[in-house]
Amino acid sequence: MVWRGTTTISERIFACLPYLLPIIDGLVFGSFLLRQFPVLQILLLPLQPVLVIYGSLGQLGQLLVFFALFIFVVRNEKISHFIRFNTMQAILLDIVIFLCTILVRVLTQIPNTGFAIETIANTIFLGIVAAVVYSVAQSLLGRYAEIPAISDAVYMQVR
């Protein structure tokens, strides 16, 4: 839904870029699936330069990217609402990934949960990929991607 006016092509492209953050951070959960289906790794080849740069930042650099997006994009009212909305939605998806990481680490402490952890990791990865693909597609069309619960939280943060 476009309720804040029309969007330009450049706004649509800039609105897609923050979704690199959750897709890159979500790759941790895709290791099982990518090992079982190596052909899927071909789909990740375009992300390789971004993976190298983002990975070279280290954890502190990645945290700085996270906060820079929040402070300089989401909180900057000079930037269009469409870009700020999509940036905040990507940040919330990244927070969901972080929470899922904690869940998986807790589950790894329980013995004999290998299959369950693999299933949970695959589900998280596929869910993140689906959310990112949907959000990028909607952004390219100039529409607001409505993800239940997450989009509601985004609307509360971005005015």
C-alpha atoms as a PDB file:
ATOM      1  CA  MET A   1       0.000   0.000   0.000  1.00  0.00           C
ATOM      2  CA  VAL A   2       1.378   3.383  -0.956  1.00  0.00           C
ATOM      3  CA  TRP A   3      -0.219   5.843   1.400  1.00  0.00           C
ATOM      4  CA  ARG A   4       2.588   8.370   1.733  1.00  0.00           C
ATOM      5  CA  GLY A   5       2.669   9.386  -1.914  1.00  0.00           C
ATOM      6  CA  THR A   6       4.417   7.906  -4.878  1.00  0.00           C
ATOM      7  CA  THR A   7       7.917   6.527  -4.837  1.00  0.00           C
ATOM      8  CA  THR A   8      10.681   7.093  -7.337  1.00  0.00           C
ATOM      9  CA  ILE A   9      12.834   4.367  -8.830  1.00  0.00           C
ATOM     10  CA  SER A  10      15.817   5.439  -6.726  1.00  0.00           C
ATOM     11  CA  GLU A  11      13.708   5.312  -3.540  1.00  0.00           C
ATOM     12  CA  ARG A  12      12.597   1.800  -4.442  1.00  0.00           C
ATOM     13  CA  ILE A  13      16.181   0.658  -4.952  1.00  0.00           C
ATOM     14  CA  PHE A  14      17.418   2.311  -1.734  1.00  0.00           C
ATOM     15  CA  ALA A  15      14.499   0.723   0.137  1.00  0.00           C
ATOM     16  CA  CYS A  16      15.721  -2.732  -0.966  1.00  0.00           C
ATOM     17  CA  LEU A  17      19.328  -2.317   0.171  1.00  0.00           C
ATOM     18  CA  PRO A  18      18.770  -2.658   3.950  1.00  0.00           C
ATOM     19  CA  TYR A  19      17.371  -6.149   3.389  1.00  0.00           C
ATOM     20  CA  LEU A  20      20.947  -7.278   2.726  1.00  0.00           C
ATOM     21  CA  LEU A  21      21.453  -7.135   6.501  1.00  0.00           C
ATOM     22  CA  PRO A  22      18.930  -9.852   7.474  1.00  0.00           C
ATOM     23  CA  ILE A  23      19.708 -12.067   4.501  1.00  0.00           C
ATOM     24  CA  ILE A  24      23.441 -12.046   5.294  1.00  0.00           C
ATOM     25  CA  ASP A  25      22.898 -12.589   9.022  1.00  0.00           C
ATOM     26  CA  GLY A  26      20.352 -15.323   8.266  1.00  0.00           C
ATOM     27  CA  LEU A  27      22.842 -17.337   6.208  1.00  0.00           C
ATOM     28  CA  VAL A  28      24.119 -18.862   9.447  1.00  0.00           C
ATOM     29  CA  PHE A  29      20.886 -20.826   9.653  1.00  0.00           C
ATOM     30  CA  GLY A  30      21.113 -21.915   6.023  1.00  0.00           C
ATOM     31  CA  SER A  31      24.258 -23.983   6.432  1.00  0.00           C
ATOM     32  CA  PHE A  32      22.348 -27.273   6.823  1.00  0.00           C
ATOM     33  CA  LEU A  33      20.126 -26.605   3.826  1.00  0.00           C
ATOM     34  CA  LEU A  34      22.980 -25.361   1.641  1.00  0.00           C
ATOM     35  CA  ARG A  35      25.032 -28.435   2.518  1.00  0.00           C
ATOM     36  CA  GLN A  36      22.153 -30.736   1.546  1.00  0.00           C
ATOM     37  CA  PHE A  37      21.408 -28.834  -1.681  1.00  0.00           C
ATOM     38  CA  PRO A  38      24.683 -27.355  -2.985  1.00  0.00           C
ATOM     39  CA  VAL A  39      22.955 -26.060  -6.120  1.00  0.00           C
ATOM     40  CA  LEU A  40      21.294 -23.400  -3.929  1.00  0.00           C
ATOM     41  CA  GLN A  41      24.709 -21.854  -3.327  1.00  0.00           C
ATOM     42  CA  ILE A  42      24.614 -20.601  -6.915  1.00  0.00           C
ATOM     43  CA  LEU A  43      21.781 -18.261  -5.903  1.00  0.00           C
ATOM     44  CA  LEU A  44      24.078 -16.701  -3.298  1.00  0.00           C
ATOM     45  CA  LEU A  45      26.896 -15.851  -5.712  1.00  0.00           C
ATOM     46  CA  PRO A  46      25.675 -12.257  -6.292  1.00  0.00           C
ATOM     47  CA  LEU A  47      25.917 -11.690  -2.523  1.00  0.00           C
ATOM     48  CA  GLN A  48      29.565 -12.773  -2.371  1.00  0.00           C
ATOM     49  CA  PRO A  49      31.140  -9.267  -2.531  1.00  0.00           C
ATOM     50  CA  VAL A  50      28.767  -7.988   0.143  1.00  0.00           C
ATOM     51  CA  LEU A  51      29.485 -11.050   2.308  1.00  0.00           C
ATOM     52  CA  VAL A  52      33.225 -10.426   2.091  1.00  0.00           C
ATOM     53  CA  ILE A  53      32.919  -6.738   2.986  1.00  0.00           C
ATOM     54  CA  TYR A  54      30.379  -7.271   5.773  1.00  0.00           C
ATOM     55  CA  GLY A  55      32.332 -10.218   7.181  1.00  0.00           C
ATOM     56  CA  SER A  56      35.563  -8.213   7.230  1.00  0.00           C
ATOM     57  CA  LEU A  57      33.971  -5.600   9.490  1.00  0.00           C
ATOM     58  CA  GLY A  58      33.971  -7.930  12.474  1.00  0.00           C
ATOM     59  CA  GLN A  59      31.272  -7.932  15.114  1.00  0.00           C
ATOM     60  CA  LEU A  60      31.908  -4.367  16.213  1.00  0.00           C
ATOM     61  CA  GLY A  61      31.687  -3.089  12.643  1.00  0.00           C
ATOM     62  CA  GLN A  62      28.489  -5.042  12.050  1.00  0.00           C
ATOM     63  CA  LEU A  63      27.008  -3.537  15.209  1.00  0.00           C
ATOM     64  CA  LEU A  64      28.008  -0.075  13.978  1.00  0.00           C
ATOM     65  CA  VAL A  65      26.266  -0.724  10.635  1.00  0.00           C
ATOM     66  CA  PHE A  66      23.158  -1.769  12.550  1.00  0.00           C
ATOM     67  CA  PHE A  67      23.100   1.401  14.674  1.00  0.00           C
ATOM     68  CA  ALA A  68      24.081   3.636  11.743  1.00  0.00           C
ATOM     69  CA  LEU A  69      21.063   2.426   9.798  1.00  0.00           C
ATOM     70  CA  PHE A  70      18.827   3.097  12.770  1.00  0.00           C
ATOM     71  CA  ILE A  71      20.201   6.509  13.695  1.00  0.00           C
ATOM     72  CA  PHE A  72      21.023   7.971  10.278  1.00  0.00           C
ATOM     73  CA  VAL A  73      18.214   6.466   8.197  1.00  0.00           C
ATOM     74  CA  VAL A  74      15.241   5.498  10.361  1.00  0.00           C
ATOM     75  CA  ARG A  75      15.422   8.559  12.611  1.00  0.00           C
ATOM     76  CA  ASN A  76      16.190  11.006   9.779  1.00  0.00           C
ATOM     77  CA  GLU A  77      12.875  12.534   8.746  1.00  0.00           C
ATOM     78  CA  LYS A  78      14.483  14.133   5.683  1.00  0.00           C
ATOM     79  CA  ILE A  79      14.623  10.656   4.137  1.00  0.00           C
ATOM     80  CA  SER A  80      11.389   9.421   2.576  1.00  0.00           C
ATOM     81  CA  HIS A  81       9.006   7.414   4.729  1.00  0.00           C
ATOM     82  CA  PHE A  82       9.205   4.517   2.285  1.00  0.00           C
ATOM     83  CA  ILE A  83      12.976   4.096   2.744  1.00  0.00           C
ATOM     84  CA  ARG A  84      12.770   4.577   6.514  1.00  0.00           C
ATOM     85  CA  PHE A  85       9.948   2.010   6.770  1.00  0.00           C
ATOM     86  CA  ASN A  86      11.883  -0.631   4.837  1.00  0.00           C
ATOM     87  CA  THR A  87      15.085   0.067   6.752  1.00  0.00           C
ATOM     88  CA  MET A  88      13.304  -0.351  10.079  1.00  0.00           C
ATOM     89  CA  GLN A  89      11.638  -3.529   8.858  1.00  0.00           C
ATOM     90  CA  ALA A  90      15.038  -4.947   7.846  1.00  0.00           C
ATOM     91  CA  ILE A  91      16.413  -4.015  11.274  1.00  0.00           C
ATOM     92  CA  LEU A  92      13.534  -5.791  13.018  1.00  0.00           C
ATOM     93  CA  LEU A  93      14.058  -8.874  10.864  1.00  0.00           C
ATOM     94  CA  ASP A  94      17.700  -8.780  11.942  1.00  0.00           C
ATOM     95  CA  ILE A  95      16.619  -8.585  15.596  1.00  0.00           C
ATOM     96  CA  VAL A  96      14.430 -11.646  15.022  1.00  0.00           C
ATOM     97  CA  ILE A  97      17.491 -13.451  13.641  1.00  0.00           C
ATOM     98  CA  PHE A  98      19.482 -12.460  16.725  1.00  0.00           C
ATOM     99  CA  LEU A  99      16.750 -13.835  19.017  1.00  0.00           C
ATOM    100  CA  CYS A 100      16.618 -17.049  16.994  1.00  0.00           C
ATOM    101  CA  THR A 101      20.398 -17.351  17.359  1.00  0.00           C
ATOM    102  CA  ILE A 102      19.994 -17.249  21.131  1.00  0.00           C
ATOM    103  CA  LEU A 103      17.252 -19.902  20.949  1.00  0.00           C
ATOM    104  CA  VAL A 104      19.418 -22.230  18.860  1.00  0.00           C
ATOM    105  CA  ARG A 105      22.392 -21.769  21.209  1.00  0.00           C
ATOM    106  CA  VAL A 106      20.205 -22.742  24.154  1.00  0.00           C
ATOM    107  CA  LEU A 107      18.895 -25.787  22.302  1.00  0.00           C
ATOM    108  CA  THR A 108      22.409 -26.952  21.436  1.00  0.00           C
ATOM    109  CA  GLN A 109      23.046 -27.397  25.168  1.00  0.00           C
ATOM    110  CA  ILE A 110      20.388 -30.123  25.288  1.00  0.00           C
ATOM    111  CA  PRO A 111      21.739 -33.554  24.287  1.00  0.00           C
ATOM    112  CA  ASN A 112      20.330 -35.461  21.280  1.00  0.00           C
ATOM    113  CA  THR A 113      18.697 -32.433  19.629  1.00  0.00           C
ATOM    114  CA  GLY A 114      20.687 -32.461  16.387  1.00  0.00           C
ATOM    115  CA  PHE A 115      17.729 -33.187  14.118  1.00  0.00           C
ATOM    116  CA  ALA A 116      15.507 -30.680  15.934  1.00  0.00           C
ATOM    117  CA  ILE A 117      18.155 -27.953  15.675  1.00  0.00           C
ATOM    118  CA  GLU A 118      18.639 -28.684  11.985  1.00  0.00           C
ATOM    119  CA  THR A 119      14.884 -28.463  11.390  1.00  0.00           C
ATOM    120  CA  ILE A 120      14.583 -25.220  13.353  1.00  0.00           C
ATOM    121  CA  ALA A 121      17.572 -23.703  11.537  1.00  0.00           C
ATOM    122  CA  ASN A 122      16.131 -24.631   8.135  1.00  0.00           C
ATOM    123  CA  THR A 123      12.756 -23.177   9.101  1.00  0.00           C
ATOM    124  CA  ILE A 124      14.320 -19.926  10.311  1.00  0.00           C
ATOM    125  CA  PHE A 125      16.426 -19.635   7.160  1.00  0.00           C
ATOM    126  CA  LEU A 126      13.512 -20.271   4.818  1.00  0.00           C
ATOM    127  CA  GLY A 127      11.320 -17.864   6.788  1.00  0.00           C
ATOM    128  CA  ILE A 128      13.923 -15.091   6.595  1.00  0.00           C
ATOM    129  CA  VAL A 129      14.501 -15.707   2.885  1.00  0.00           C
ATOM    130  CA  ALA A 130      10.749 -15.623   2.239  1.00  0.00           C
ATOM    131  CA  ALA A 131      10.315 -12.403   4.244  1.00  0.00           C
ATOM    132  CA  VAL A 132      13.252 -10.716   2.488  1.00  0.00           C
ATOM    133  CA  VAL A 133      12.201 -11.813  -1.014  1.00  0.00           C
ATOM    134  CA  TYR A 134       8.627 -10.644  -0.340  1.00  0.00           C
ATOM    135  CA  SER A 135       9.809  -7.321   1.091  1.00  0.00           C
ATOM    136  CA  VAL A 136      12.241  -6.637  -1.755  1.00  0.00           C
ATOM    137  CA  ALA A 137       9.609  -7.515  -4.361  1.00  0.00           C
ATOM    138  CA  GLN A 138       7.065  -5.213  -2.728  1.00  0.00           C
ATOM    139  CA  SER A 139       9.670  -2.441  -2.434  1.00  0.00           C
ATOM    140  CA  LEU A 140      10.581  -2.721  -6.096  1.00  0.00           C
ATOM    141  CA  LEU A 141       6.885  -2.378  -6.919  1.00  0.00           C
ATOM    142  CA  GLY A 142       6.676   0.714  -4.716  1.00  0.00           C
ATOM    143  CA  ARG A 143       4.441  -0.929  -2.125  1.00  0.00           C
ATOM    144  CA  TYR A 144       4.840  -1.280   1.617  1.00  0.00           C
ATOM    145  CA  ALA A 145       5.586  -4.907   2.543  1.00  0.00           C
ATOM    146  CA  GLU A 146       3.141  -5.944   5.243  1.00  0.00           C
ATOM    147  CA  ILE A 147       4.658  -8.655   7.441  1.00  0.00           C
ATOM    148  CA  PRO A 148       2.332  -9.463  10.367  1.00  0.00           C
ATOM    149  CA  ALA A 149       3.527  -8.197  13.763  1.00  0.00           C
ATOM    150  CA  ILE A 150       6.802  -6.844  12.347  1.00  0.00           C
ATOM    151  CA  SER A 151       5.164  -4.210  10.153  1.00  0.00           C
ATOM    152  CA  ASP A 152       2.963  -3.136  13.051  1.00  0.00           C
ATOM    153  CA  ALA A 153       6.078  -2.548  15.152  1.00  0.00           C
ATOM    154  CA  VAL A 154       7.670  -0.672  12.249  1.00  0.00           C
ATOM    155  CA  TYR A 155       4.683   1.669  11.949  1.00  0.00           C
ATOM    156  CA  MET A 156       5.032   2.458  15.658  1.00  0.00           C
ATOM    157  CA  GLN A 157       8.697   3.407  15.209  1.00  0.00           C
ATOM    158  CA  VAL A 158       8.488   5.247  11.880  1.00  0.00           C
ATOM    159  CA  ARG A 159       6.127   8.167  11.722  1.00  0.00           C
END
